[in-house]
Amino acid sequence: MLLLCGIPLLFMEFAIGQYTRLGPVHALAKICPLLKGVGVATTVISFLLCTYYNVIITWALYYLLNSFWTTLPWQTCNNTWNVVENCSSGFPGNASHLESASQQFFDRRLLEKTDGIEDAGGLRWELFGLLLLAWAIVYLCIFKGVKSTGKVVYFTAIFPYFVLFALLINNVQLPGAVNGIVYFLSPVWGKLLEVKVWVNAAAQVFNSIGIGFGSMISLASYNKYNNNILRDTLIVALTNSATSILAGFVIFSAIGYMGHIHNLPVEDIATDGPGLVFVVYPEVFSTMPVPQMWAALFFLMLLCLGLDSQFSMAEVAVTYFMDEFGAKVLRVFKRRELLVLAVCVVCFLLGVPHITRGGIYVFQLMDHYTAVVSLMFLAFFEVLAVCWIFGVKRISTMIKRMLGKKPSLYFRVNWLVFTPLLVLVILVSSIVQYSPAHYGKYVYPVWGDALGWGISLLSIVWIPLGALHEVYRNEGSLLQRVRHAMKPTIDLDADGDHPDEEKSKSLELIAMLD
């Protein structure tokens, strides 16, 4: 998936952003006016992710603050939130009537979870305050733009590696760690026949690298025109993959250890979703020497990783407003810092439903229909617009003008054949074998799934709307209008450093106001 989709699409997005010097909305509108709605859709999906992704950072802050107790609060069943009669100090295994202490802390203390999305249950005021703090941290890190964000990323990107290696060195020495690592490395070939596995793999690659969200196009638009994007692509993709493998060793060595402690098979402990980070791993720390130190380091690492992703998604929204309105935005907000503040405030308010007592159900619904369902649609239409309509020949010309040589045969063949077909097959298969969202054993009501599709349509709907608008504004017969709408407006014959005038003017205005 990484070789056929991840690396080719990342290189493609870097090329688009760096050549056009524009955010995803205007860049994709120039490349394929007929599918200009794809750019809007990527901005919308990034904005939607912004509204709920910070909730994960909020949870990490909550666990971080609770990591300094003399006895970790998820370590025992003697707390006020525990239901003692069905609380287990370890993993309950096959005893379905029991819950681990860490599970009860997550459900009954952190979330104070209700029975379903039908019951919002009121605000969790502690989480409200931490969500506000999370957005304050994000704002202080990005309000000065890419330069200030880059300085922060030196810490947030490097620090997690120290923690991961420290955890790995500690974990591999624990009894049973080898069983977890063997489980991690052992393929289950039958799973390759399941569509859900391929959909989740694609979503994982796209989410981890940032493909389809517009963030890579936005960030690349600030590059120098001749910046080596091929080098950047390989560094980002390979570092991301190596980090994922390293994290896999760290996580599954700990899971193997827990299986040894509780005499359970690894598969009974391994889980997915937020449960792995906020239930299984806190339970692991409870059994380690100096658990407070390991817990604090882990959740500080999680905070750094979350902030890295949040920075890029917030930057997409800010870049859109600067590209779309430029001087008009600066006349209203006076300074770029106030525009960033407005974006953060709106995202914060839209994130409030996720920190109600029924907020976990809203969170899971948003995550399923935004980060999986919508993303597959967006990925396909982005590939269709760039690889097939705009064409591999034009992409190659762009890259040759920037780097001095055309992309290799590997990239050109993938753009033309393998990447579009693989994304199309995954999209069609996921539609045919669609399964509604669920949270554990909880099944959403019909109106909940309808709400989820409505959330998906908030981003997807811009694709047909953009196409209809472009066809309507052109002249001639329907066929002539469609043909005209498929012609790129990007200049592939210009000489020099190819700066975009609108962005240059916007940056000049920012500099003057600063």
Protein backbone atom coordinates (compact mmCIF):
# COMPACT_ATOMS: atom_id res chain seq x y z
CA MET A 1 0.00 0.00 0.00
CA LEU A 2 2.85 2.38 0.81
CA LEU A 3 4.71 1.60 -2.43
CA LEU A 4 1.68 1.67 -4.73
CA CYS A 5 -0.25 4.55 -3.13
CA GLY A 6 1.58 6.27 -0.31
CA ILE A 7 4.88 7.31 -1.89
CA PRO A 8 3.52 8.15 -5.39
CA LEU A 9 0.64 10.25 -4.02
CA LEU A 10 2.84 12.06 -1.51
CA PHE A 11 5.32 12.98 -4.26
CA MET A 12 2.40 14.13 -6.42
CA GLU A 13 0.96 16.38 -3.67
CA PHE A 14 4.38 17.87 -2.91
CA ALA A 15 4.82 18.64 -6.62
CA ILE A 16 1.41 20.31 -6.88
CA GLY A 17 1.94 22.50 -3.81
CA GLN A 18 5.50 23.51 -4.62
CA TYR A 19 4.86 24.28 -8.30
CA THR A 20 1.64 26.26 -7.88
CA ARG A 21 2.63 27.94 -4.57
CA LEU A 22 -1.04 27.59 -3.61
CA GLY A 23 -3.16 25.69 -1.11
CA PRO A 24 -5.23 22.66 -2.22
CA VAL A 25 -8.35 24.61 -3.24
CA HIS A 26 -6.72 26.87 -5.80
CA ALA A 27 -4.00 24.44 -6.84
CA LEU A 28 -6.43 21.66 -7.80
CA ALA A 29 -8.78 24.20 -9.42
CA LYS A 30 -5.94 25.17 -11.78
CA ILE A 31 -4.94 21.58 -12.46
CA CYS A 32 -8.46 20.31 -13.21
CA PRO A 33 -11.24 22.94 -13.12
CA LEU A 34 -13.91 20.23 -13.57
CA LEU A 35 -12.91 18.63 -10.26
CA LYS A 36 -11.99 21.83 -8.44
CA GLY A 37 -14.36 20.71 -5.68
CA VAL A 38 -11.75 18.13 -4.64
CA GLY A 39 -9.60 20.95 -3.28
CA VAL A 40 -12.51 22.35 -1.30
CA ALA A 41 -13.34 18.84 -0.07
CA THR A 42 -9.78 18.28 1.22
CA THR A 43 -9.97 21.57 3.11
CA VAL A 44 -13.36 20.66 4.60
CA ILE A 45 -12.18 17.21 5.70
CA SER A 46 -9.08 18.73 7.34
CA PHE A 47 -11.29 21.25 9.11
CA LEU A 48 -13.63 18.47 10.33
CA LEU A 49 -10.66 16.47 11.59
CA CYS A 50 -9.41 19.56 13.40
CA THR A 51 -12.66 19.79 15.35
CA TYR A 52 -12.38 16.32 16.90
CA TYR A 53 -8.71 15.34 16.64
CA ASN A 54 -7.83 17.70 19.48
CA VAL A 55 -10.10 15.60 21.69
CA ILE A 56 -7.39 12.90 21.61
CA ILE A 57 -4.89 15.52 22.79
CA THR A 58 -7.38 16.44 25.52
CA TRP A 59 -7.52 12.83 26.71
CA ALA A 60 -3.71 12.64 26.62
CA LEU A 61 -3.50 15.78 28.78
CA TYR A 62 -5.97 14.25 31.26
CA TYR A 63 -3.92 11.05 31.55
CA LEU A 64 -0.69 13.04 31.75
CA LEU A 65 -1.98 15.06 34.71
CA ASN A 66 -3.19 11.87 36.41
CA SER A 67 0.19 10.19 35.94
CA PHE A 68 1.67 11.97 38.95
CA TRP A 69 -0.51 10.30 41.58
CA THR A 70 1.32 8.19 44.18
CA THR A 71 -0.84 5.30 42.99
CA LEU A 72 -1.97 5.52 39.38
CA PRO A 73 -5.77 6.00 39.37
CA TRP A 74 -6.32 3.25 36.78
CA GLN A 75 -4.24 0.78 38.80
CA THR A 76 -6.80 -0.36 41.38
CA CYS A 77 -10.54 -0.96 41.84
CA ASN A 78 -10.75 1.09 45.06
CA ASN A 79 -11.80 4.39 43.53
CA THR A 80 -15.18 6.12 43.69
CA TRP A 81 -15.85 5.56 39.98
CA ASN A 82 -15.21 1.82 40.08
CA VAL A 83 -18.00 -0.75 40.13
CA VAL A 84 -16.21 -3.10 42.51
CA GLU A 85 -18.31 -6.20 41.85
CA ASN A 86 -17.26 -6.37 38.18
CA CYS A 87 -13.84 -4.68 38.38
CA SER A 88 -10.64 -6.62 37.76
CA SER A 89 -7.18 -5.33 38.64
CA GLY A 90 -5.89 -7.06 35.48
CA PHE A 91 -7.36 -8.13 32.16
CA PRO A 92 -10.54 -10.20 32.72
CA GLY A 93 -9.85 -12.61 29.83
CA ASN A 94 -12.93 -14.71 29.04
CA ALA A 95 -14.85 -13.44 32.07
CA SER A 96 -17.23 -11.22 30.11
CA HIS A 97 -18.89 -9.81 33.23
CA LEU A 98 -15.60 -8.24 34.41
CA GLU A 99 -13.87 -5.04 33.32
CA SER A 100 -10.27 -4.06 33.94
CA ALA A 101 -9.54 -1.14 36.26
CA SER A 102 -8.03 0.78 33.34
CA GLN A 103 -11.19 0.20 31.25
CA GLN A 104 -13.36 1.53 34.07
CA PHE A 105 -11.09 4.56 34.46
CA PHE A 106 -11.47 5.32 30.75
CA ASP A 107 -15.23 4.73 30.63
CA ARG A 108 -16.36 5.90 34.08
CA ARG A 109 -13.79 8.51 35.09
CA LEU A 110 -12.45 10.11 31.90
CA LEU A 111 -15.56 9.87 29.74
CA GLU A 112 -18.30 9.23 32.32
CA LYS A 113 -19.81 7.41 29.36
CA THR A 114 -23.57 7.21 28.83
CA ASP A 115 -25.37 4.27 27.23
CA GLY A 116 -25.45 5.70 23.73
CA ILE A 117 -25.41 8.70 21.41
CA GLU A 118 -29.07 9.27 22.28
CA ASP A 119 -28.01 10.47 25.77
CA ALA A 120 -25.54 13.39 25.62
CA GLY A 121 -25.40 13.49 29.43
CA GLY A 122 -24.08 17.04 29.80
CA LEU A 123 -20.56 18.46 29.60
CA ARG A 124 -17.47 17.01 31.25
CA TRP A 125 -16.16 20.31 32.59
CA GLU A 126 -12.67 18.96 33.30
CA LEU A 127 -12.37 17.91 29.68
CA PHE A 128 -13.83 21.26 28.57
CA GLY A 129 -10.98 23.05 30.33
CA LEU A 130 -8.37 20.69 28.91
CA LEU A 131 -9.80 21.03 25.39
CA LEU A 132 -9.46 24.80 25.78
CA LEU A 133 -5.87 24.30 26.96
CA ALA A 134 -5.15 22.00 24.00
CA TRP A 135 -6.35 24.63 21.52
CA ALA A 136 -4.37 27.32 23.36
CA ILE A 137 -1.23 25.19 22.89
CA VAL A 138 -2.00 24.68 19.20
CA TYR A 139 -2.59 28.41 18.68
CA LEU A 140 0.64 29.45 20.40
CA CYS A 141 2.55 27.01 18.19
CA ILE A 142 1.09 28.04 14.81
CA PHE A 143 0.00 31.69 15.11
CA LYS A 144 3.22 33.00 13.57
CA GLY A 145 2.97 30.66 10.60
CA VAL A 146 5.19 27.93 9.20
CA LYS A 147 8.40 29.38 10.64
CA SER A 148 7.18 29.27 14.26
CA THR A 149 5.61 25.85 13.72
CA GLY A 150 8.89 24.55 12.35
CA LYS A 151 10.70 25.55 15.54
CA VAL A 152 8.17 23.71 17.71
CA VAL A 153 8.31 20.62 15.51
CA TYR A 154 12.00 20.21 16.28
CA PHE A 155 10.89 19.12 19.76
CA THR A 156 7.52 17.50 19.04
CA ALA A 157 8.96 15.36 16.23
CA ILE A 158 12.22 14.31 17.90
CA PHE A 159 11.18 13.79 21.53
CA PRO A 160 8.82 10.84 20.78
CA TYR A 161 11.76 8.84 19.39
CA PHE A 162 13.60 9.06 22.71
CA VAL A 163 10.50 7.79 24.49
CA LEU A 164 9.89 5.00 21.96
CA PHE A 165 13.47 3.72 22.22
CA ALA A 166 13.40 3.96 26.02
CA LEU A 167 10.15 1.96 26.11
CA LEU A 168 11.48 -0.59 23.63
CA ILE A 169 14.67 -1.18 25.63
CA ASN A 170 12.60 -1.60 28.79
CA ASN A 171 9.88 -3.76 27.20
CA VAL A 172 12.08 -6.32 25.44
CA GLN A 173 13.56 -7.27 28.80
CA LEU A 174 10.14 -8.17 30.21
CA PRO A 175 8.93 -11.79 30.33
CA GLY A 176 6.55 -12.67 27.50
CA ALA A 177 7.65 -9.73 25.31
CA VAL A 178 8.88 -12.13 22.62
CA ASN A 179 5.37 -13.63 22.30
CA GLY A 180 3.94 -10.21 21.54
CA ILE A 181 6.65 -9.44 18.97
CA VAL A 182 6.14 -12.80 17.25
CA TYR A 183 2.38 -12.10 17.11
CA PHE A 184 3.14 -8.67 15.59
CA LEU A 185 5.42 -10.14 12.91
CA SER A 186 3.31 -13.19 12.05
CA PRO A 187 1.13 -12.53 8.97
CA VAL A 188 -2.41 -13.85 8.76
CA TRP A 189 -2.64 -14.38 5.00
CA GLY A 190 -6.39 -14.99 5.04
CA LYS A 191 -6.93 -11.38 6.14
CA LEU A 192 -5.72 -10.20 2.72
CA LEU A 193 -9.02 -11.40 1.28
CA GLU A 194 -11.00 -9.06 3.56
CA VAL A 195 -11.89 -5.70 2.05
CA LYS A 196 -11.96 -4.06 5.47
CA VAL A 197 -8.25 -4.81 5.91
CA TRP A 198 -7.36 -3.03 2.66
CA VAL A 199 -9.63 -0.07 3.43
CA ASN A 200 -8.10 0.30 6.89
CA ALA A 201 -4.59 -0.09 5.45
CA ALA A 202 -5.25 2.67 2.91
CA ALA A 203 -6.79 4.90 5.59
CA GLN A 204 -3.80 4.26 7.84
CA VAL A 205 -1.28 5.16 5.12
CA PHE A 206 -3.24 8.26 4.09
CA ASN A 207 -3.74 9.41 7.69
CA SER A 208 -0.18 8.80 8.83
CA ILE A 209 1.47 10.46 5.80
CA GLY A 210 -1.21 13.14 5.40
CA ILE A 211 -2.43 12.29 1.90
CA GLY A 212 -5.88 13.53 0.86
CA PHE A 213 -6.20 16.17 3.56
CA GLY A 214 -4.60 19.02 1.65
CA SER A 215 -1.98 19.51 4.39
CA MET A 216 0.93 18.30 2.25
CA ILE A 217 -0.09 20.60 -0.61
CA SER A 218 -0.42 23.53 1.80
CA LEU A 219 2.95 22.96 3.46
CA ALA A 220 4.72 22.34 0.13
CA SER A 221 3.35 25.63 -1.19
CA TYR A 222 5.78 27.44 1.15
CA ASN A 223 8.82 25.62 -0.28
CA LYS A 224 11.39 27.20 -2.55
CA TYR A 225 10.59 26.47 -6.19
CA ASN A 226 13.63 24.22 -6.68
CA ASN A 227 13.38 22.38 -3.36
CA ASN A 228 14.15 18.65 -3.72
CA ILE A 229 10.66 17.20 -3.15
CA LEU A 230 11.77 13.69 -4.15
CA ARG A 231 14.17 13.66 -1.21
CA ASP A 232 11.44 15.05 1.07
CA THR A 233 8.99 12.40 -0.13
CA LEU A 234 11.35 9.52 0.64
CA ILE A 235 12.32 10.98 4.01
CA VAL A 236 8.70 11.47 5.10
CA ALA A 237 7.41 8.12 3.79
CA LEU A 238 10.29 5.95 4.98
CA THR A 239 10.63 7.69 8.34
CA ASN A 240 6.89 7.32 8.88
CA SER A 241 7.02 3.60 8.03
CA ALA A 242 10.06 2.99 10.23
CA THR A 243 8.35 4.82 13.09
CA SER A 244 5.21 2.71 12.67
CA ILE A 245 7.28 -0.48 12.79
CA LEU A 246 9.18 0.77 15.84
CA ALA A 247 5.89 1.65 17.56
CA GLY A 248 4.59 -1.83 16.69
CA PHE A 249 7.54 -3.45 18.48
CA VAL A 250 7.02 -1.17 21.49
CA ILE A 251 3.29 -1.86 21.73
CA PHE A 252 3.26 -5.59 21.08
CA SER A 253 6.23 -6.32 23.34
CA ALA A 254 4.19 -4.72 26.13
CA ILE A 255 1.06 -6.66 25.12
CA GLY A 256 3.06 -9.89 25.16
CA TYR A 257 4.23 -9.03 28.65
CA MET A 258 0.65 -8.44 29.79
CA GLY A 259 -0.38 -11.75 28.28
CA HIS A 260 2.37 -13.44 30.30
CA ILE A 261 1.37 -11.69 33.53
CA HIS A 262 -2.31 -12.62 33.22
CA ASN A 263 -1.78 -15.97 31.49
CA LEU A 264 -3.77 -14.90 28.43
CA PRO A 265 -3.06 -15.22 24.69
CA VAL A 266 -1.86 -12.04 23.00
CA GLU A 267 -4.96 -11.79 20.78
CA ASP A 268 -7.18 -11.50 23.88
CA ILE A 269 -5.34 -8.34 24.93
CA ALA A 270 -4.64 -6.69 21.57
CA THR A 271 -7.36 -4.25 20.58
CA ASP A 272 -7.88 -1.33 18.20
CA GLY A 273 -9.16 2.22 18.44
CA PRO A 274 -8.61 4.43 21.51
CA GLY A 275 -8.71 1.36 23.76
CA LEU A 276 -5.14 0.39 22.87
CA VAL A 277 -3.63 3.71 23.92
CA PHE A 278 -5.94 4.65 26.78
CA VAL A 279 -6.81 1.24 28.24
CA VAL A 280 -4.22 -1.42 27.42
CA TYR A 281 -1.05 0.64 27.75
CA PRO A 282 -2.01 2.34 31.05
CA GLU A 283 -2.59 -1.16 32.40
CA VAL A 284 0.93 -2.09 31.27
CA PHE A 285 2.46 0.83 33.17
CA SER A 286 0.71 -0.31 36.34
CA THR A 287 2.89 -3.42 36.44
CA MET A 288 6.22 -1.68 35.70
CA PRO A 289 8.73 -0.23 38.17
CA VAL A 290 8.30 3.54 38.58
CA PRO A 291 4.96 3.50 36.68
CA GLN A 292 4.46 7.26 37.10
CA MET A 293 7.59 8.02 35.07
CA TRP A 294 6.67 5.68 32.21
CA ALA A 295 3.07 6.91 32.12
CA ALA A 296 4.11 10.58 32.08
CA LEU A 297 6.67 10.01 29.31
CA PHE A 298 4.19 8.01 27.22
CA PHE A 299 1.37 10.55 27.38
CA LEU A 300 3.76 13.44 26.82
CA MET A 301 4.92 11.59 23.69
CA LEU A 302 1.29 11.11 22.63
CA LEU A 303 0.70 14.83 23.16
CA CYS A 304 3.66 15.68 20.88
CA LEU A 305 2.49 13.29 18.16
CA GLY A 306 -1.04 14.70 18.28
CA LEU A 307 0.19 18.29 18.07
CA ASP A 308 2.28 17.51 14.97
CA SER A 309 -0.84 16.30 13.13
CA GLN A 310 -2.99 19.13 14.44
CA PHE A 311 -0.55 21.79 13.22
CA SER A 312 -0.73 20.66 9.60
CA MET A 313 -4.53 20.31 9.54
CA ALA A 314 -5.05 23.76 11.07
CA GLU A 315 -2.61 25.22 8.55
CA VAL A 316 -4.81 23.94 5.69
CA ALA A 317 -7.74 26.08 6.87
CA VAL A 318 -5.56 29.16 7.37
CA THR A 319 -3.91 28.71 3.95
CA TYR A 320 -7.34 28.44 2.31
CA PHE A 321 -8.50 31.77 3.74
CA MET A 322 -5.24 33.47 2.76
CA ASP A 323 -5.39 32.10 -0.79
CA GLU A 324 -9.10 32.74 -1.26
CA PHE A 325 -9.48 36.17 0.29
CA GLY A 326 -5.92 37.46 0.81
CA ALA A 327 -5.96 41.19 1.49
CA LYS A 328 -9.70 41.12 2.38
CA VAL A 329 -9.00 38.77 5.29
CA LEU A 330 -6.17 40.93 6.53
CA ARG A 331 -8.36 44.04 6.36
CA VAL A 332 -10.90 42.33 8.65
CA PHE A 333 -8.52 40.55 11.04
CA LYS A 334 -5.66 43.08 10.66
CA ARG A 335 -3.06 40.41 11.43
CA ARG A 336 -2.59 36.78 10.48
CA GLU A 337 -2.50 35.91 14.18
CA LEU A 338 -6.15 36.97 14.56
CA LEU A 339 -7.20 34.83 11.61
CA VAL A 340 -5.48 31.80 13.19
CA LEU A 341 -7.21 32.63 16.48
CA ALA A 342 -10.61 32.72 14.75
CA VAL A 343 -9.97 29.29 13.16
CA CYS A 344 -8.92 27.82 16.52
CA VAL A 345 -11.96 29.26 18.34
CA VAL A 346 -14.41 27.88 15.77
CA CYS A 347 -12.75 24.43 15.89
CA PHE A 348 -12.84 24.50 19.68
CA LEU A 349 -16.58 25.24 19.75
CA LEU A 350 -17.31 22.50 17.21
CA GLY A 351 -15.30 20.07 19.35
CA VAL A 352 -17.42 20.62 22.46
CA PRO A 353 -19.98 17.85 21.61
CA HIS A 354 -17.12 15.33 21.84
CA ILE A 355 -16.49 16.13 25.51
CA THR A 356 -20.03 15.53 26.69
CA ARG A 357 -20.69 12.30 28.57
CA GLY A 358 -21.99 10.81 25.34
CA GLY A 359 -19.16 12.39 23.36
CA ILE A 360 -17.28 9.15 22.68
CA TYR A 361 -20.13 8.03 20.43
CA VAL A 362 -19.98 11.32 18.50
CA PHE A 363 -16.20 10.97 18.27
CA GLN A 364 -16.37 7.41 16.90
CA LEU A 365 -19.07 8.41 14.39
CA MET A 366 -17.03 11.37 13.15
CA ASP A 367 -13.86 9.31 12.93
CA HIS A 368 -15.50 6.51 10.93
CA TYR A 369 -17.30 8.69 8.39
CA THR A 370 -14.58 11.35 8.06
CA ALA A 371 -11.24 9.56 8.35
CA VAL A 372 -12.32 6.39 6.48
CA VAL A 373 -15.44 6.83 4.31
CA SER A 374 -14.89 10.41 3.09
CA LEU A 375 -11.17 9.89 2.68
CA MET A 376 -11.59 7.06 0.17
CA PHE A 377 -13.90 9.18 -2.00
CA LEU A 378 -11.53 12.15 -1.86
CA ALA A 379 -8.49 10.03 -2.64
CA PHE A 380 -10.13 8.58 -5.75
CA PHE A 381 -11.27 11.91 -7.18
CA GLU A 382 -7.93 13.54 -6.43
CA VAL A 383 -6.14 10.73 -8.28
CA LEU A 384 -8.68 10.95 -11.13
CA ALA A 385 -8.20 14.73 -11.44
CA VAL A 386 -4.41 14.73 -11.33
CA CYS A 387 -3.28 11.38 -12.77
CA TRP A 388 -5.82 10.78 -15.51
CA ILE A 389 -7.36 14.15 -16.46
CA PHE A 390 -4.40 16.48 -15.86
CA GLY A 391 -2.15 13.65 -16.95
CA VAL A 392 1.15 12.05 -16.05
CA LYS A 393 2.91 13.94 -18.85
CA ARG A 394 2.00 17.31 -17.32
CA ILE A 395 2.95 16.19 -13.80
CA SER A 396 6.31 15.07 -15.17
CA THR A 397 6.78 18.45 -16.86
CA MET A 398 6.11 20.26 -13.58
CA ILE A 399 8.64 18.11 -11.74
CA LYS A 400 11.24 18.47 -14.50
CA ARG A 401 10.95 22.26 -14.33
CA MET A 402 11.49 22.20 -10.55
CA LEU A 403 14.08 19.42 -10.20
CA GLY A 404 15.72 19.44 -13.63
CA LYS A 405 14.71 15.87 -14.49
CA LYS A 406 11.55 13.87 -15.00
CA PRO A 407 10.27 11.48 -12.35
CA SER A 408 11.37 7.88 -12.68
CA LEU A 409 9.41 5.16 -14.48
CA TYR A 410 8.28 3.88 -11.06
CA PHE A 411 6.31 7.05 -10.35
CA ARG A 412 4.94 7.46 -13.87
CA VAL A 413 3.63 3.87 -14.07
CA ASN A 414 2.07 4.09 -10.62
CA TRP A 415 0.38 7.42 -11.41
CA LEU A 416 -0.94 6.11 -14.70
CA VAL A 417 -2.02 2.57 -13.73
CA PHE A 418 -1.49 1.06 -10.31
CA THR A 419 -2.36 3.92 -7.93
CA PRO A 420 -5.67 4.94 -9.60
CA LEU A 421 -6.80 1.33 -10.06
CA LEU A 422 -5.93 0.32 -6.50
CA VAL A 423 -7.76 3.33 -5.02
CA LEU A 424 -10.76 2.61 -7.31
CA VAL A 425 -10.90 -1.07 -6.30
CA ILE A 426 -10.72 -0.18 -2.60
CA LEU A 427 -13.43 2.46 -2.99
CA VAL A 428 -15.82 0.17 -4.90
CA SER A 429 -15.18 -2.76 -2.56
CA SER A 430 -15.74 -0.63 0.53
CA ILE A 431 -19.09 0.57 -0.89
CA VAL A 432 -20.20 -2.96 -1.80
CA GLN A 433 -19.21 -4.36 1.59
CA TYR A 434 -20.16 -1.28 3.61
CA SER A 435 -20.71 -1.80 7.32
CA PRO A 436 -22.07 0.96 9.57
CA ALA A 437 -20.07 2.48 12.39
CA HIS A 438 -20.11 0.91 15.84
CA TYR A 439 -18.39 1.45 19.18
CA GLY A 440 -17.56 -1.85 20.83
CA LYS A 441 -20.84 -3.73 21.09
CA TYR A 442 -22.89 -0.55 20.72
CA VAL A 443 -24.78 -0.27 17.43
CA TYR A 444 -25.79 3.22 16.32
CA PRO A 445 -29.46 3.94 15.64
CA VAL A 446 -30.54 4.57 12.05
CA TRP A 447 -30.53 8.32 12.58
CA GLY A 448 -26.97 8.05 13.91
CA ASP A 449 -25.76 6.44 10.69
CA ALA A 450 -27.73 9.02 8.70
CA LEU A 451 -25.92 11.72 10.68
CA GLY A 452 -22.62 10.02 9.85
CA TRP A 453 -23.38 10.08 6.12
CA GLY A 454 -24.37 13.72 6.49
CA ILE A 455 -20.93 14.39 7.99
CA SER A 456 -19.32 12.58 5.05
CA LEU A 457 -21.35 14.61 2.57
CA LEU A 458 -20.08 17.87 4.12
CA SER A 459 -16.82 17.19 2.31
CA ILE A 460 -17.85 14.92 -0.59
CA VAL A 461 -20.70 17.16 -1.84
CA TRP A 462 -18.25 19.85 -2.98
CA ILE A 463 -16.95 17.57 -5.74
CA PRO A 464 -20.22 17.38 -7.77
CA LEU A 465 -21.10 20.98 -6.86
CA GLY A 466 -17.75 22.21 -8.15
CA ALA A 467 -18.16 20.21 -11.37
CA LEU A 468 -21.68 21.56 -11.96
CA HIS A 469 -20.54 25.12 -11.32
CA GLU A 470 -17.61 24.83 -13.74
CA VAL A 471 -19.77 23.30 -16.48
CA TYR A 472 -22.48 25.95 -15.95
CA ARG A 473 -20.08 28.91 -16.23
CA ASN A 474 -18.56 27.70 -19.51
CA GLU A 475 -20.12 28.27 -22.92
CA GLY A 476 -21.15 25.98 -25.77
CA SER A 477 -22.78 22.56 -25.85
CA LEU A 478 -22.64 20.26 -22.83
CA LEU A 479 -19.77 18.26 -24.36
CA GLN A 480 -17.85 21.44 -25.17
CA ARG A 481 -18.37 22.75 -21.65
CA VAL A 482 -17.10 19.52 -20.10
CA ARG A 483 -14.06 19.44 -22.39
CA HIS A 484 -13.23 23.04 -21.54
CA ALA A 485 -13.65 22.29 -17.83
CA MET A 486 -11.10 19.48 -18.13
CA LYS A 487 -8.40 21.78 -19.50
CA PRO A 488 -5.88 22.95 -16.87
CA THR A 489 -5.31 26.67 -16.41
CA ILE A 490 -1.90 26.22 -14.82
CA ASP A 491 1.03 27.74 -16.74
CA LEU A 492 3.52 25.02 -17.69
CA ASP A 493 5.59 27.28 -19.96
CA ALA A 494 6.58 30.06 -17.57
CA ASP A 495 10.25 30.76 -16.86
CA GLY A 496 11.90 31.68 -13.59
CA ASP A 497 11.01 30.79 -10.06
CA HIS A 498 7.28 30.75 -10.82
CA PRO A 499 6.01 32.61 -7.74
CA ASP A 500 2.27 32.89 -7.52
CA GLU A 501 1.21 36.54 -7.53
CA GLU A 502 -1.66 36.22 -5.08
CA LYS A 503 0.42 34.36 -2.50
CA SER A 504 3.30 36.80 -2.95
CA LYS A 505 1.00 39.75 -2.37
CA SER A 506 -0.53 38.08 0.68
CA LEU A 507 2.90 37.37 2.14
CA GLU A 508 3.97 40.96 1.49
CA LEU A 509 0.89 42.23 3.31
CA ILE A 510 1.60 39.93 6.23
CA ALA A 511 5.18 41.19 6.41
CA MET A 512 4.00 44.83 6.32
CA LEU A 513 1.44 44.24 9.07
CA ASP A 514 3.99 42.40 11.20
